[in-house]
Amino acid sequence: GAADEVKVGVLMGFTGPIESLTPMMAG
C-alpha cells in the first residue's frame, strides 16, 4: 500500500488571518 502511494504536501494557512479561505483552497 505504501509503495503504491505518492505523498504530496498541501501547505496552507489553516490557522491565522486567512483561515476561513484555506479549507476551500485545500479542498
PDB file of all heavy atoms in Angstrom:
ATOM      1  N   GLY A   1       0.824  -1.212   0.000  1.00  0.00           N
ATOM      2  CA  GLY A   1       0.000   0.000   0.000  1.00  0.00           C
ATOM      3  C   GLY A   1       0.847   1.246   0.000  1.00  0.00           C
ATOM      4  O   GLY A   1       0.569   2.203  -0.711  1.00  0.00           O
ATOM      5  N   ALA A   2       1.914   1.240   0.824  1.00  0.00           N
ATOM      6  CA  ALA A   2       2.797   2.393   0.897  1.00  0.00           C
ATOM      7  C   ALA A   2       3.513   2.611  -0.426  1.00  0.00           C
ATOM      8  O   ALA A   2       3.720   3.744  -0.863  1.00  0.00           O
ATOM      9  CB  ALA A   2       3.804   2.210   2.027  1.00  0.00           C
ATOM     10  N   ALA A   3       3.908   1.510  -1.079  1.00  0.00           N
ATOM     11  CA  ALA A   3       4.629   1.619  -2.345  1.00  0.00           C
ATOM     12  C   ALA A   3       3.751   2.202  -3.440  1.00  0.00           C
ATOM     13  O   ALA A   3       4.231   2.838  -4.368  1.00  0.00           O
ATOM     14  CB  ALA A   3       5.144   0.247  -2.758  1.00  0.00           C
ATOM     15  N   ASP A   4       2.438   1.943  -3.341  1.00  0.00           N
ATOM     16  CA  ASP A   4       1.506   2.427  -4.351  1.00  0.00           C
ATOM     17  C   ASP A   4       1.005   3.839  -4.066  1.00  0.00           C
ATOM     18  O   ASP A   4       0.186   4.373  -4.800  1.00  0.00           O
ATOM     19  CB  ASP A   4       0.296   1.489  -4.440  1.00  0.00           C
ATOM     20  CG  ASP A   4       0.649   0.182  -5.127  1.00  0.00           C
ATOM     21  OD1 ASP A   4       1.681   0.160  -5.821  1.00  0.00           O
ATOM     22  OD2 ASP A   4      -0.082  -0.800  -4.953  1.00  0.00           O
ATOM     23  N   GLU A   5       1.502   4.450  -2.992  1.00  0.00           N
ATOM     24  CA  GLU A   5       1.018   5.746  -2.555  1.00  0.00           C
ATOM     25  C   GLU A   5       2.093   6.810  -2.732  1.00  0.00           C
ATOM     26  O   GLU A   5       3.239   6.606  -2.343  1.00  0.00           O
ATOM     27  CB  GLU A   5       0.618   5.642  -1.077  1.00  0.00           C
ATOM     28  CG  GLU A   5      -0.151   6.795  -0.538  1.00  0.00           C
ATOM     29  CD  GLU A   5      -0.612   6.533   0.880  1.00  0.00           C
ATOM     30  OE1 GLU A   5       0.221   6.682   1.802  1.00  0.00           O
ATOM     31  OE2 GLU A   5      -1.794   6.167   1.069  1.00  0.00           O
ATOM     32  N   VAL A   6       1.714   7.918  -3.329  1.00  0.00           N
ATOM     33  CA  VAL A   6       2.635   9.040  -3.544  1.00  0.00           C
ATOM     34  C   VAL A   6       2.179  10.195  -2.652  1.00  0.00           C
ATOM     35  O   VAL A   6       1.057  10.670  -2.772  1.00  0.00           O
ATOM     36  CB  VAL A   6       2.637   9.489  -5.016  1.00  0.00           C
ATOM     37  CG1 VAL A   6       3.584  10.673  -5.213  1.00  0.00           C
ATOM     38  CG2 VAL A   6       3.034   8.336  -5.928  1.00  0.00           C
ATOM     39  N   LYS A   7       3.052  10.649  -1.783  1.00  0.00           N
ATOM     40  CA  LYS A   7       2.690  11.728  -0.862  1.00  0.00           C
ATOM     41  C   LYS A   7       3.003  13.100  -1.443  1.00  0.00           C
ATOM     42  O   LYS A   7       4.114  13.342  -1.926  1.00  0.00           O
ATOM     43  CB  LYS A   7       3.441  11.564   0.461  1.00  0.00           C
ATOM     44  CG  LYS A   7       2.915  10.463   1.364  1.00  0.00           C
ATOM     45  CD  LYS A   7       3.630  10.521   2.714  1.00  0.00           C
ATOM     46  CE  LYS A   7       3.073   9.488   3.677  1.00  0.00           C
ATOM     47  NZ  LYS A   7       3.743   9.568   5.006  1.00  0.00           N
ATOM     48  N   VAL A   8       2.010  13.984  -1.361  1.00  0.00           N
ATOM     49  CA  VAL A   8       2.173  15.375  -1.778  1.00  0.00           C
ATOM     50  C   VAL A   8       1.687  16.276  -0.645  1.00  0.00           C
ATOM     51  O   VAL A   8       0.634  16.024  -0.060  1.00  0.00           O
ATOM     52  CB  VAL A   8       1.379  15.672  -3.065  1.00  0.00           C
ATOM     53  CG1 VAL A   8       1.555  17.145  -3.474  1.00  0.00           C
ATOM     54  CG2 VAL A   8       1.829  14.771  -4.204  1.00  0.00           C
ATOM     55  N   GLY A   9       2.452  17.305  -0.343  1.00  0.00           N
ATOM     56  CA  GLY A   9       2.084  18.212   0.734  1.00  0.00           C
ATOM     57  C   GLY A   9       1.092  19.275   0.295  1.00  0.00           C
ATOM     58  O   GLY A   9       1.158  19.765  -0.839  1.00  0.00           O
ATOM     59  N   VAL A  10       0.163  19.606   1.172  1.00  0.00           N
ATOM     60  CA  VAL A  10      -0.741  20.738   0.979  1.00  0.00           C
ATOM     61  C   VAL A  10      -0.467  21.687   2.146  1.00  0.00           C
ATOM     62  O   VAL A  10      -0.952  21.478   3.260  1.00  0.00           O
ATOM     63  CB  VAL A  10      -2.218  20.308   0.935  1.00  0.00           C
ATOM     64  CG1 VAL A  10      -3.123  21.525   0.810  1.00  0.00           C
ATOM     65  CG2 VAL A  10      -2.453  19.351  -0.237  1.00  0.00           C
ATOM     66  N   LEU A  11       0.350  22.688   1.882  1.00  0.00           N
ATOM     67  CA  LEU A  11       0.865  23.587   2.911  1.00  0.00           C
ATOM     68  C   LEU A  11       0.150  24.928   2.828  1.00  0.00           C
ATOM     69  O   LEU A  11       0.396  25.723   1.918  1.00  0.00           O
ATOM     70  CB  LEU A  11       2.370  23.769   2.713  1.00  0.00           C
ATOM     71  CG  LEU A  11       3.112  24.700   3.664  1.00  0.00           C
ATOM     72  CD1 LEU A  11       3.077  24.169   5.088  1.00  0.00           C
ATOM     73  CD2 LEU A  11       4.550  24.888   3.195  1.00  0.00           C
ATOM     74  N   MET A  12      -0.737  25.188   3.786  1.00  0.00           N
ATOM     75  CA  MET A  12      -1.540  26.412   3.744  1.00  0.00           C
ATOM     76  C   MET A  12      -1.796  26.944   5.148  1.00  0.00           C
ATOM     77  O   MET A  12      -1.608  26.235   6.142  1.00  0.00           O
ATOM     78  CB  MET A  12      -2.867  26.154   3.029  1.00  0.00           C
ATOM     79  CG  MET A  12      -2.720  25.818   1.566  1.00  0.00           C
ATOM     80  SD  MET A  12      -4.313  25.650   0.725  1.00  0.00           S
ATOM     81  CE  MET A  12      -3.746  25.226  -0.924  1.00  0.00           C
ATOM     82  N   GLY A  13      -2.255  28.188   5.217  1.00  0.00           N
ATOM     83  CA  GLY A  13      -2.532  28.824   6.493  1.00  0.00           C
ATOM     84  C   GLY A  13      -3.870  28.394   7.054  1.00  0.00           C
ATOM     85  O   GLY A  13      -4.848  29.153   7.019  1.00  0.00           O
ATOM     86  N   PHE A  14      -3.919  27.182   7.602  1.00  0.00           N
ATOM     87  CA  PHE A  14      -5.183  26.667   8.144  1.00  0.00           C
ATOM     88  C   PHE A  14      -5.586  27.376   9.434  1.00  0.00           C
ATOM     89  O   PHE A  14      -6.740  27.315   9.852  1.00  0.00           O
ATOM     90  CB  PHE A  14      -5.081  25.159   8.366  1.00  0.00           C
ATOM     91  CG  PHE A  14      -4.990  24.376   7.085  1.00  0.00           C
ATOM     92  CD1 PHE A  14      -3.781  23.846   6.655  1.00  0.00           C
ATOM     93  CD2 PHE A  14      -6.117  24.195   6.286  1.00  0.00           C
ATOM     94  CE1 PHE A  14      -3.691  23.139   5.464  1.00  0.00           C
ATOM     95  CE2 PHE A  14      -6.034  23.486   5.100  1.00  0.00           C
ATOM     96  CZ  PHE A  14      -4.818  22.959   4.686  1.00  0.00           C
ATOM     97  N   THR A  15      -4.628  28.024  10.080  1.00  0.00           N
ATOM     98  CA  THR A  15      -4.929  28.932  11.180  1.00  0.00           C
ATOM     99  C   THR A  15      -4.342  30.292  10.823  1.00  0.00           C
ATOM    100  O   THR A  15      -3.451  30.390   9.990  1.00  0.00           O
ATOM    101  CB  THR A  15      -4.307  28.447  12.501  1.00  0.00           C
ATOM    102  OG1 THR A  15      -2.875  28.379  12.367  1.00  0.00           O
ATOM    103  CG2 THR A  15      -4.843  27.088  12.888  1.00  0.00           C
ATOM    104  N   GLY A  16      -4.871  31.337  11.461  1.00  0.00           N
ATOM    105  CA  GLY A  16      -4.325  32.657  11.192  1.00  0.00           C
ATOM    106  C   GLY A  16      -5.268  33.549  10.412  1.00  0.00           C
ATOM    107  O   GLY A  16      -6.480  33.305  10.369  1.00  0.00           O
ATOM    108  N   PRO A  17      -4.737  34.572   9.758  1.00  0.00           N
ATOM    109  CA  PRO A  17      -5.566  35.635   9.190  1.00  0.00           C
ATOM    110  C   PRO A  17      -6.350  35.297   7.935  1.00  0.00           C
ATOM    111  O   PRO A  17      -7.168  36.096   7.493  1.00  0.00           O
ATOM    112  CB  PRO A  17      -4.567  36.758   8.922  1.00  0.00           C
ATOM    113  CG  PRO A  17      -3.261  36.073   8.747  1.00  0.00           C
ATOM    114  CD  PRO A  17      -3.298  34.905   9.688  1.00  0.00           C
ATOM    115  N   ILE A  18      -6.118  34.117   7.321  1.00  0.00           N
ATOM    116  CA  ILE A  18      -6.949  33.720   6.171  1.00  0.00           C
ATOM    117  C   ILE A  18      -7.534  32.323   6.385  1.00  0.00           C
ATOM    118  O   ILE A  18      -7.845  31.623   5.430  1.00  0.00           O
ATOM    119  CB  ILE A  18      -6.182  33.778   4.833  1.00  0.00           C
ATOM    120  CG1 ILE A  18      -4.997  32.796   4.840  1.00  0.00           C
ATOM    121  CG2 ILE A  18      -5.729  35.190   4.514  1.00  0.00           C
ATOM    122  CD1 ILE A  18      -4.443  32.522   3.452  1.00  0.00           C
ATOM    123  N   GLU A  19      -7.703  31.947   7.651  1.00  0.00           N
ATOM    124  CA  GLU A  19      -8.138  30.581   7.947  1.00  0.00           C
ATOM    125  C   GLU A  19      -9.513  30.247   7.387  1.00  0.00           C
ATOM    126  O   GLU A  19      -9.825  29.063   7.181  1.00  0.00           O
ATOM    127  CB  GLU A  19      -8.116  30.342   9.454  1.00  0.00           C
ATOM    128  CG  GLU A  19      -9.019  31.244  10.250  1.00  0.00           C
ATOM    129  CD  GLU A  19      -8.839  31.079  11.756  1.00  0.00           C
ATOM    130  OE1 GLU A  19      -7.804  30.562  12.200  1.00  0.00           O
ATOM    131  OE2 GLU A  19      -9.769  31.486  12.484  1.00  0.00           O
ATOM    132  N   SER A  20     -10.323  31.238   7.093  1.00  0.00           N
ATOM    133  CA  SER A  20     -11.636  30.936   6.515  1.00  0.00           C
ATOM    134  C   SER A  20     -11.544  30.675   5.010  1.00  0.00           C
ATOM    135  O   SER A  20     -12.475  30.140   4.413  1.00  0.00           O
ATOM    136  CB  SER A  20     -12.624  32.081   6.779  1.00  0.00           C
ATOM    137  OG  SER A  20     -12.249  33.259   6.091  1.00  0.00           O
ATOM    138  N   LEU A  21     -10.429  31.042   4.387  1.00  0.00           N
ATOM    139  CA  LEU A  21     -10.258  30.827   2.944  1.00  0.00           C
ATOM    140  C   LEU A  21      -9.634  29.477   2.625  1.00  0.00           C
ATOM    141  O   LEU A  21      -9.947  28.851   1.611  1.00  0.00           O
ATOM    142  CB  LEU A  21      -9.371  31.925   2.341  1.00  0.00           C
ATOM    143  CG  LEU A  21      -9.865  33.362   2.397  1.00  0.00           C
ATOM    144  CD1 LEU A  21      -8.856  34.284   1.712  1.00  0.00           C
ATOM    145  CD2 LEU A  21     -11.234  33.505   1.753  1.00  0.00           C
ATOM    146  N   THR A  22      -8.697  29.039   3.464  1.00  0.00           N
ATOM    147  CA  THR A  22      -7.868  27.891   3.101  1.00  0.00           C
ATOM    148  C   THR A  22      -8.592  26.550   3.002  1.00  0.00           C
ATOM    149  O   THR A  22      -8.176  25.710   2.191  1.00  0.00           O
ATOM    150  CB  THR A  22      -6.672  27.771   4.060  1.00  0.00           C
ATOM    151  OG1 THR A  22      -7.127  27.888   5.420  1.00  0.00           O
ATOM    152  CG2 THR A  22      -5.667  28.857   3.789  1.00  0.00           C
ATOM    153  N   PRO A  23      -9.634  26.267   3.784  1.00  0.00           N
ATOM    154  CA  PRO A  23     -10.275  24.956   3.611  1.00  0.00           C
ATOM    155  C   PRO A  23     -10.766  24.691   2.188  1.00  0.00           C
ATOM    156  O   PRO A  23     -10.582  23.577   1.664  1.00  0.00           O
ATOM    157  CB  PRO A  23     -11.441  25.014   4.602  1.00  0.00           C
ATOM    158  CG  PRO A  23     -10.961  25.920   5.681  1.00  0.00           C
ATOM    159  CD  PRO A  23     -10.192  26.980   4.952  1.00  0.00           C
ATOM    160  N   MET A  24     -11.347  25.686   1.555  1.00  0.00           N
ATOM    161  CA  MET A  24     -11.828  25.506   0.186  1.00  0.00           C
ATOM    162  C   MET A  24     -10.672  25.460  -0.820  1.00  0.00           C
ATOM    163  O   MET A  24     -10.763  24.767  -1.850  1.00  0.00           O
ATOM    164  CB  MET A  24     -12.803  26.618  -0.192  1.00  0.00           C
ATOM    165  CG  MET A  24     -14.164  26.481   0.461  1.00  0.00           C
ATOM    166  SD  MET A  24     -15.016  24.966  -0.060  1.00  0.00           S
ATOM    167  CE  MET A  24     -16.532  25.094   0.894  1.00  0.00           C
ATOM    168  N   MET A  25      -9.598  26.189  -0.532  1.00  0.00           N
ATOM    169  CA  MET A  25      -8.414  26.114  -1.392  1.00  0.00           C
ATOM    170  C   MET A  25      -7.798  24.724  -1.329  1.00  0.00           C
ATOM    171  O   MET A  25      -7.500  24.102  -2.355  1.00  0.00           O
ATOM    172  CB  MET A  25      -7.400  27.183  -0.977  1.00  0.00           C
ATOM    173  CG  MET A  25      -7.832  28.600  -1.276  1.00  0.00           C
ATOM    174  SD  MET A  25      -6.780  29.843  -0.467  1.00  0.00           S
ATOM    175  CE  MET A  25      -5.152  29.395  -1.070  1.00  0.00           C
ATOM    176  N   ALA A  26      -7.606  24.232  -0.102  1.00  0.00           N
ATOM    177  CA  ALA A  26      -7.046  22.892   0.069  1.00  0.00           C
ATOM    178  C   ALA A  26      -7.971  21.842  -0.547  1.00  0.00           C
ATOM    179  O   ALA A  26      -7.515  20.904  -1.209  1.00  0.00           O
ATOM    180  CB  ALA A  26      -6.830  22.601   1.553  1.00  0.00           C
ATOM    181  N   GLY A  27      -9.271  22.017  -0.338  1.00  0.00           N
ATOM    182  CA  GLY A  27     -10.240  21.087  -0.910  1.00  0.00           C
ATOM    183  C   GLY A  27     -10.188  21.065  -2.430  1.00  0.00           C
ATOM    184  O   GLY A  27     -10.361  20.012  -3.051  1.00  0.00           O
TER     185      GLY A  27
END
